[in-house]
């Protein structure tokens, strides 16, 4: 019996997602220079199927970066809807602490970003990494608003945002290396908010 177009599309989406998640695992455990054949083996698919969905290894990496950035951006955007900037920063910190403690995929996406930033990747991947500053930019806007409200620390809002996200990335690296780490949302908020903010 022939599959419907909708069923066929769902099957393709599942295969693509399976490949992306396998690639994420392989890159985290073996590094970003791992071979497509290793990803195919981990996903239980052929190299040809990977190349059906992704023109190159770079295209696969860029799809992973898009996937990770979409999650971070959605989280910050949802928190930004709160009434005060300090509440939005605290909510973002709580969300990140929960994700880091319970969701290994979050840790893996941050770790992948760290690897790619230091791996001497292609210009296309470097440009994609630069584009992925949207959550940091949005968070910097929240910090500026909190500074105007008198609840955030003084200083360049973008630099404070980068410090915040660097701390998150660093915690991901520790967690993935097996260091038992409890992520405290107040600690994260305290990077940018004044005490009691």
C-alpha atoms as a PDB file:
ATOM      1  CA  UNK A   1       0.000   0.000   0.000  1.00  0.00           C
ATOM      2  CA  UNK A   2       1.559   3.350  -1.000  1.00  0.00           C
ATOM      3  CA  UNK A   3       2.291   5.880   1.706  1.00  0.00           C
ATOM      4  CA  UNK A   4       0.481   9.169   1.744  1.00  0.00           C
ATOM      5  CA  UNK A   5       2.463  12.345   1.117  1.00  0.00           C
ATOM      6  CA  UNK A   6       1.946  13.321   4.767  1.00  0.00           C
ATOM      7  CA  UNK A   7       3.181   9.932   6.049  1.00  0.00           C
ATOM      8  CA  UNK A   8       6.193  10.092   3.727  1.00  0.00           C
ATOM      9  CA  UNK A   9       7.047  13.607   4.975  1.00  0.00           C
ATOM     10  CA  UNK A  10       6.758  12.452   8.590  1.00  0.00           C
ATOM     11  CA  UNK A  11       9.087   9.535   7.851  1.00  0.00           C
ATOM     12  CA  UNK A  12      11.614  11.941   6.300  1.00  0.00           C
ATOM     13  CA  UNK A  13      11.367  14.305   9.281  1.00  0.00           C
ATOM     14  CA  UNK A  14      11.976  11.414  11.692  1.00  0.00           C
ATOM     15  CA  UNK A  15      15.010  10.239   9.678  1.00  0.00           C
ATOM     16  CA  UNK A  16      16.447  13.753   9.509  1.00  0.00           C
ATOM     17  CA  UNK A  17      15.963  14.254  13.260  1.00  0.00           C
ATOM     18  CA  UNK A  18      17.560  10.868  13.984  1.00  0.00           C
ATOM     19  CA  UNK A  19      20.603  11.876  11.939  1.00  0.00           C
ATOM     20  CA  UNK A  20      20.869  15.270  13.650  1.00  0.00           C
ATOM     21  CA  UNK A  21      20.717  13.770  17.144  1.00  0.00           C
ATOM     22  CA  UNK A  22      23.244  11.076  16.246  1.00  0.00           C
ATOM     23  CA  UNK A  23      25.554  13.745  14.800  1.00  0.00           C
ATOM     24  CA  UNK A  24      25.256  15.780  17.987  1.00  0.00           C
ATOM     25  CA  UNK A  25      26.230  12.741  20.086  1.00  0.00           C
ATOM     26  CA  UNK A  26      29.154  11.866  17.817  1.00  0.00           C
ATOM     27  CA  UNK A  27      30.464  15.439  17.700  1.00  0.00           C
ATOM     28  CA  UNK A  28      30.273  15.770  21.482  1.00  0.00           C
ATOM     29  CA  UNK A  29      31.988  12.441  22.142  1.00  0.00           C
ATOM     30  CA  UNK A  30      34.510  12.356  19.273  1.00  0.00           C
ATOM     31  CA  UNK A  31      34.875  15.993  18.253  1.00  0.00           C
ATOM     32  CA  UNK A  32      33.615  17.998  15.303  1.00  0.00           C
ATOM     33  CA  UNK A  33      36.126  16.445  12.934  1.00  0.00           C
ATOM     34  CA  UNK A  34      34.437  13.032  13.269  1.00  0.00           C
ATOM     35  CA  UNK A  35      33.668  11.358   9.948  1.00  0.00           C
ATOM     36  CA  UNK A  36      30.242  11.138   8.336  1.00  0.00           C
ATOM     37  CA  UNK A  37      30.642   7.349   8.453  1.00  0.00           C
ATOM     38  CA  UNK A  38      30.752   7.527  12.271  1.00  0.00           C
ATOM     39  CA  UNK A  39      27.533   9.548  12.273  1.00  0.00           C
ATOM     40  CA  UNK A  40      25.896   7.092   9.881  1.00  0.00           C
ATOM     41  CA  UNK A  41      26.851   4.179  12.127  1.00  0.00           C
ATOM     42  CA  UNK A  42      25.519   5.958  15.238  1.00  0.00           C
ATOM     43  CA  UNK A  43      22.253   6.812  13.463  1.00  0.00           C
ATOM     44  CA  UNK A  44      21.884   3.342  11.951  1.00  0.00           C
ATOM     45  CA  UNK A  45      21.646   4.753   8.442  1.00  0.00           C
ATOM     46  CA  UNK A  46      23.801   4.826   5.326  1.00  0.00           C
ATOM     47  CA  UNK A  47      26.161   7.666   4.460  1.00  0.00           C
ATOM     48  CA  UNK A  48      24.046   8.126   1.338  1.00  0.00           C
ATOM     49  CA  UNK A  49      20.951   8.858   3.417  1.00  0.00           C
ATOM     50  CA  UNK A  50      22.869  11.501   5.363  1.00  0.00           C
ATOM     51  CA  UNK A  51      23.919  13.127   2.092  1.00  0.00           C
ATOM     52  CA  UNK A  52      20.309  12.929   0.898  1.00  0.00           C
ATOM     53  CA  UNK A  53      19.316  15.266   3.724  1.00  0.00           C
ATOM     54  CA  UNK A  54      22.525  17.286   4.032  1.00  0.00           C
ATOM     55  CA  UNK A  55      24.738  18.325   1.111  1.00  0.00           C
ATOM     56  CA  UNK A  56      27.868  18.217   3.239  1.00  0.00           C
ATOM     57  CA  UNK A  57      29.139  17.785   6.765  1.00  0.00           C
ATOM     58  CA  UNK A  58      29.081  21.579   7.046  1.00  0.00           C
ATOM     59  CA  UNK A  59      25.379  21.612   6.129  1.00  0.00           C
ATOM     60  CA  UNK A  60      24.768  19.039   8.869  1.00  0.00           C
ATOM     61  CA  UNK A  61      26.659  21.166  11.409  1.00  0.00           C
ATOM     62  CA  UNK A  62      24.756  24.286  10.354  1.00  0.00           C
ATOM     63  CA  UNK A  63      21.446  22.437  10.766  1.00  0.00           C
ATOM     64  CA  UNK A  64      22.542  21.477  14.290  1.00  0.00           C
ATOM     65  CA  UNK A  65      23.471  25.075  15.062  1.00  0.00           C
ATOM     66  CA  UNK A  66      20.075  26.255  13.811  1.00  0.00           C
ATOM     67  CA  UNK A  67      18.347  23.637  15.950  1.00  0.00           C
ATOM     68  CA  UNK A  68      20.222  24.686  19.106  1.00  0.00           C
ATOM     69  CA  UNK A  69      19.852  28.420  18.490  1.00  0.00           C
ATOM     70  CA  UNK A  70      16.098  28.081  17.964  1.00  0.00           C
ATOM     71  CA  UNK A  71      15.732  26.559  21.423  1.00  0.00           C
ATOM     72  CA  UNK A  72      17.777  29.269  23.143  1.00  0.00           C
ATOM     73  CA  UNK A  73      16.026  32.073  21.298  1.00  0.00           C
ATOM     74  CA  UNK A  74      12.563  30.720  22.096  1.00  0.00           C
ATOM     75  CA  UNK A  75      13.441  30.429  25.788  1.00  0.00           C
ATOM     76  CA  UNK A  76      14.740  34.000  26.045  1.00  0.00           C
ATOM     77  CA  UNK A  77      11.824  35.399  23.998  1.00  0.00           C
ATOM     78  CA  UNK A  78       9.278  33.696  26.258  1.00  0.00           C
ATOM     79  CA  UNK A  79      10.949  35.030  29.393  1.00  0.00           C
ATOM     80  CA  UNK A  80      11.253  38.523  27.894  1.00  0.00           C
ATOM     81  CA  UNK A  81       7.444  38.780  27.939  1.00  0.00           C
ATOM     82  CA  UNK A  82       7.430  39.111  31.745  1.00  0.00           C
ATOM     83  CA  UNK A  83       6.580  42.469  33.295  1.00  0.00           C
ATOM     84  CA  UNK A  84      10.041  43.461  34.517  1.00  0.00           C
ATOM     85  CA  UNK A  85      13.457  42.816  33.047  1.00  0.00           C
ATOM     86  CA  UNK A  86      14.702  41.435  36.375  1.00  0.00           C
ATOM     87  CA  UNK A  87      11.851  38.881  36.348  1.00  0.00           C
ATOM     88  CA  UNK A  88      12.717  37.962  32.764  1.00  0.00           C
ATOM     89  CA  UNK A  89      16.385  37.455  33.682  1.00  0.00           C
ATOM     90  CA  UNK A  90      15.426  35.372  36.730  1.00  0.00           C
ATOM     91  CA  UNK A  91      13.023  33.283  34.624  1.00  0.00           C
ATOM     92  CA  UNK A  92      15.701  32.728  31.976  1.00  0.00           C
ATOM     93  CA  UNK A  93      18.128  31.660  34.700  1.00  0.00           C
ATOM     94  CA  UNK A  94      15.589  29.243  36.204  1.00  0.00           C
ATOM     95  CA  UNK A  95      14.839  27.800  32.781  1.00  0.00           C
ATOM     96  CA  UNK A  96      18.557  27.388  32.009  1.00  0.00           C
ATOM     97  CA  UNK A  97      19.292  25.811  35.416  1.00  0.00           C
ATOM     98  CA  UNK A  98      16.493  23.295  34.887  1.00  0.00           C
ATOM     99  CA  UNK A  99      17.590  22.528  31.341  1.00  0.00           C
ATOM    100  CA  UNK A 100      21.219  22.069  32.360  1.00  0.00           C
ATOM    101  CA  UNK A 101      20.250  19.807  35.248  1.00  0.00           C
ATOM    102  CA  UNK A 102      17.723  17.650  33.399  1.00  0.00           C
ATOM    103  CA  UNK A 103      18.223  17.956  29.661  1.00  0.00           C
ATOM    104  CA  UNK A 104      21.464  16.582  28.288  1.00  0.00           C
ATOM    105  CA  UNK A 105      20.640  17.836  24.796  1.00  0.00           C
ATOM    106  CA  UNK A 106      20.950  21.442  26.027  1.00  0.00           C
ATOM    107  CA  UNK A 107      24.384  20.664  27.435  1.00  0.00           C
ATOM    108  CA  UNK A 108      25.384  19.042  24.172  1.00  0.00           C
ATOM    109  CA  UNK A 109      24.320  22.014  22.043  1.00  0.00           C
ATOM    110  CA  UNK A 110      26.318  24.437  24.196  1.00  0.00           C
ATOM    111  CA  UNK A 111      29.304  22.070  24.139  1.00  0.00           C
ATOM    112  CA  UNK A 112      29.080  21.802  20.345  1.00  0.00           C
ATOM    113  CA  UNK A 113      29.204  25.609  20.105  1.00  0.00           C
ATOM    114  CA  UNK A 114      32.324  25.658  22.272  1.00  0.00           C
ATOM    115  CA  UNK A 115      33.966  22.983  20.098  1.00  0.00           C
ATOM    116  CA  UNK A 116      33.098  24.755  16.865  1.00  0.00           C
ATOM    117  CA  UNK A 117      34.392  28.078  18.179  1.00  0.00           C
ATOM    118  CA  UNK A 118      37.830  26.594  18.708  1.00  0.00           C
ATOM    119  CA  UNK A 119      38.070  23.974  15.944  1.00  0.00           C
ATOM    120  CA  UNK A 120      39.182  26.088  13.002  1.00  0.00           C
ATOM    121  CA  UNK A 121      36.034  25.435  11.013  1.00  0.00           C
ATOM    122  CA  UNK A 122      35.110  26.837   7.607  1.00  0.00           C
ATOM    123  CA  UNK A 123      34.164  30.439   6.977  1.00  0.00           C
ATOM    124  CA  UNK A 124      30.533  29.368   6.497  1.00  0.00           C
ATOM    125  CA  UNK A 125      30.392  27.796   9.968  1.00  0.00           C
ATOM    126  CA  UNK A 126      32.212  30.748  11.526  1.00  0.00           C
ATOM    127  CA  UNK A 127      29.639  33.085   9.963  1.00  0.00           C
ATOM    128  CA  UNK A 128      26.814  30.910  11.308  1.00  0.00           C
ATOM    129  CA  UNK A 129      28.345  31.033  14.789  1.00  0.00           C
ATOM    130  CA  UNK A 130      28.485  34.838  14.537  1.00  0.00           C
ATOM    131  CA  UNK A 131      24.821  34.941  13.474  1.00  0.00           C
ATOM    132  CA  UNK A 132      23.901  32.924  16.527  1.00  0.00           C
ATOM    133  CA  UNK A 133      24.409  35.898  18.801  1.00  0.00           C
ATOM    134  CA  UNK A 134      20.672  36.688  18.673  1.00  0.00           C
ATOM    135  CA  UNK A 135      19.943  35.229  22.158  1.00  0.00           C
ATOM    136  CA  UNK A 136      22.918  37.140  23.575  1.00  0.00           C
ATOM    137  CA  UNK A 137      21.708  40.338  21.891  1.00  0.00           C
ATOM    138  CA  UNK A 138      18.152  39.868  23.172  1.00  0.00           C
ATOM    139  CA  UNK A 139      19.480  39.112  26.648  1.00  0.00           C
ATOM    140  CA  UNK A 140      21.659  42.245  26.491  1.00  0.00           C
ATOM    141  CA  UNK A 141      18.467  44.204  25.791  1.00  0.00           C
ATOM    142  CA  UNK A 142      16.928  42.727  28.939  1.00  0.00           C
ATOM    143  CA  UNK A 143      20.025  43.700  30.910  1.00  0.00           C
ATOM    144  CA  UNK A 144      19.831  47.281  29.588  1.00  0.00           C
ATOM    145  CA  UNK A 145      16.181  47.435  30.622  1.00  0.00           C
ATOM    146  CA  UNK A 146      17.059  46.040  34.069  1.00  0.00           C
ATOM    147  CA  UNK A 147      19.818  48.648  34.368  1.00  0.00           C
ATOM    148  CA  UNK A 148      17.233  51.361  33.660  1.00  0.00           C
ATOM    149  CA  UNK A 149      14.977  49.778  36.306  1.00  0.00           C
ATOM    150  CA  UNK A 150      17.940  49.860  38.724  1.00  0.00           C
ATOM    151  CA  UNK A 151      18.067  46.089  39.214  1.00  0.00           C
ATOM    152  CA  UNK A 152      21.054  45.121  37.023  1.00  0.00           C
ATOM    153  CA  UNK A 153      24.736  45.649  37.599  1.00  0.00           C
ATOM    154  CA  UNK A 154      26.384  48.556  35.850  1.00  0.00           C
ATOM    155  CA  UNK A 155      28.528  47.963  32.809  1.00  0.00           C
ATOM    156  CA  UNK A 156      28.221  47.197  29.149  1.00  0.00           C
ATOM    157  CA  UNK A 157      25.022  45.159  28.781  1.00  0.00           C
ATOM    158  CA  UNK A 158      26.349  43.102  25.860  1.00  0.00           C
ATOM    159  CA  UNK A 159      29.523  42.184  27.771  1.00  0.00           C
ATOM    160  CA  UNK A 160      27.423  41.176  30.788  1.00  0.00           C
ATOM    161  CA  UNK A 161      25.275  39.063  28.478  1.00  0.00           C
ATOM    162  CA  UNK A 162      28.355  37.360  27.025  1.00  0.00           C
ATOM    163  CA  UNK A 163      29.651  36.693  30.543  1.00  0.00           C
ATOM    164  CA  UNK A 164      26.301  35.116  31.454  1.00  0.00           C
ATOM    165  CA  UNK A 165      26.249  32.836  28.387  1.00  0.00           C
ATOM    166  CA  UNK A 166      29.947  31.986  28.824  1.00  0.00           C
ATOM    167  CA  UNK A 167      29.155  30.795  32.357  1.00  0.00           C
ATOM    168  CA  UNK A 168      26.314  28.646  31.004  1.00  0.00           C
ATOM    169  CA  UNK A 169      28.608  27.187  28.324  1.00  0.00           C
ATOM    170  CA  UNK A 170      31.311  26.477  30.887  1.00  0.00           C
ATOM    171  CA  UNK A 171      28.870  24.688  33.171  1.00  0.00           C
ATOM    172  CA  UNK A 172      27.788  22.539  30.222  1.00  0.00           C
ATOM    173  CA  UNK A 173      31.386  21.504  29.647  1.00  0.00           C
ATOM    174  CA  UNK A 174      31.802  20.532  33.300  1.00  0.00           C
ATOM    175  CA  UNK A 175      28.521  18.603  33.370  1.00  0.00           C
ATOM    176  CA  UNK A 176      29.392  16.677  30.199  1.00  0.00           C
ATOM    177  CA  UNK A 177      32.836  15.811  31.595  1.00  0.00           C
ATOM    178  CA  UNK A 178      31.135  14.137  34.552  1.00  0.00           C
ATOM    179  CA  UNK A 179      31.597  16.824  37.198  1.00  0.00           C
ATOM    180  CA  UNK A 180      28.550  16.692  39.473  1.00  0.00           C
ATOM    181  CA  UNK A 181      27.342  20.265  39.274  1.00  0.00           C
ATOM    182  CA  UNK A 182      24.136  21.735  40.633  1.00  0.00           C
ATOM    183  CA  UNK A 183      23.216  24.812  38.611  1.00  0.00           C
ATOM    184  CA  UNK A 184      21.752  27.447  40.905  1.00  0.00           C
ATOM    185  CA  UNK A 185      19.451  29.908  39.095  1.00  0.00           C
ATOM    186  CA  UNK A 186      20.262  32.634  41.644  1.00  0.00           C
ATOM    187  CA  UNK A 187      23.940  32.257  40.783  1.00  0.00           C
ATOM    188  CA  UNK A 188      23.156  32.723  37.099  1.00  0.00           C
ATOM    189  CA  UNK A 189      20.931  35.732  37.760  1.00  0.00           C
ATOM    190  CA  UNK A 190      23.589  37.150  40.062  1.00  0.00           C
ATOM    191  CA  UNK A 191      25.977  37.454  37.137  1.00  0.00           C
ATOM    192  CA  UNK A 192      23.906  40.372  35.828  1.00  0.00           C
ATOM    193  CA  UNK A 193      21.481  41.408  38.576  1.00  0.00           C
ATOM    194  CA  UNK A 194      22.279  43.349  41.714  1.00  0.00           C
ATOM    195  CA  UNK A 195      21.876  41.454  44.962  1.00  0.00           C
ATOM    196  CA  UNK A 196      18.170  41.377  45.747  1.00  0.00           C
ATOM    197  CA  UNK A 197      17.398  42.381  42.096  1.00  0.00           C
END
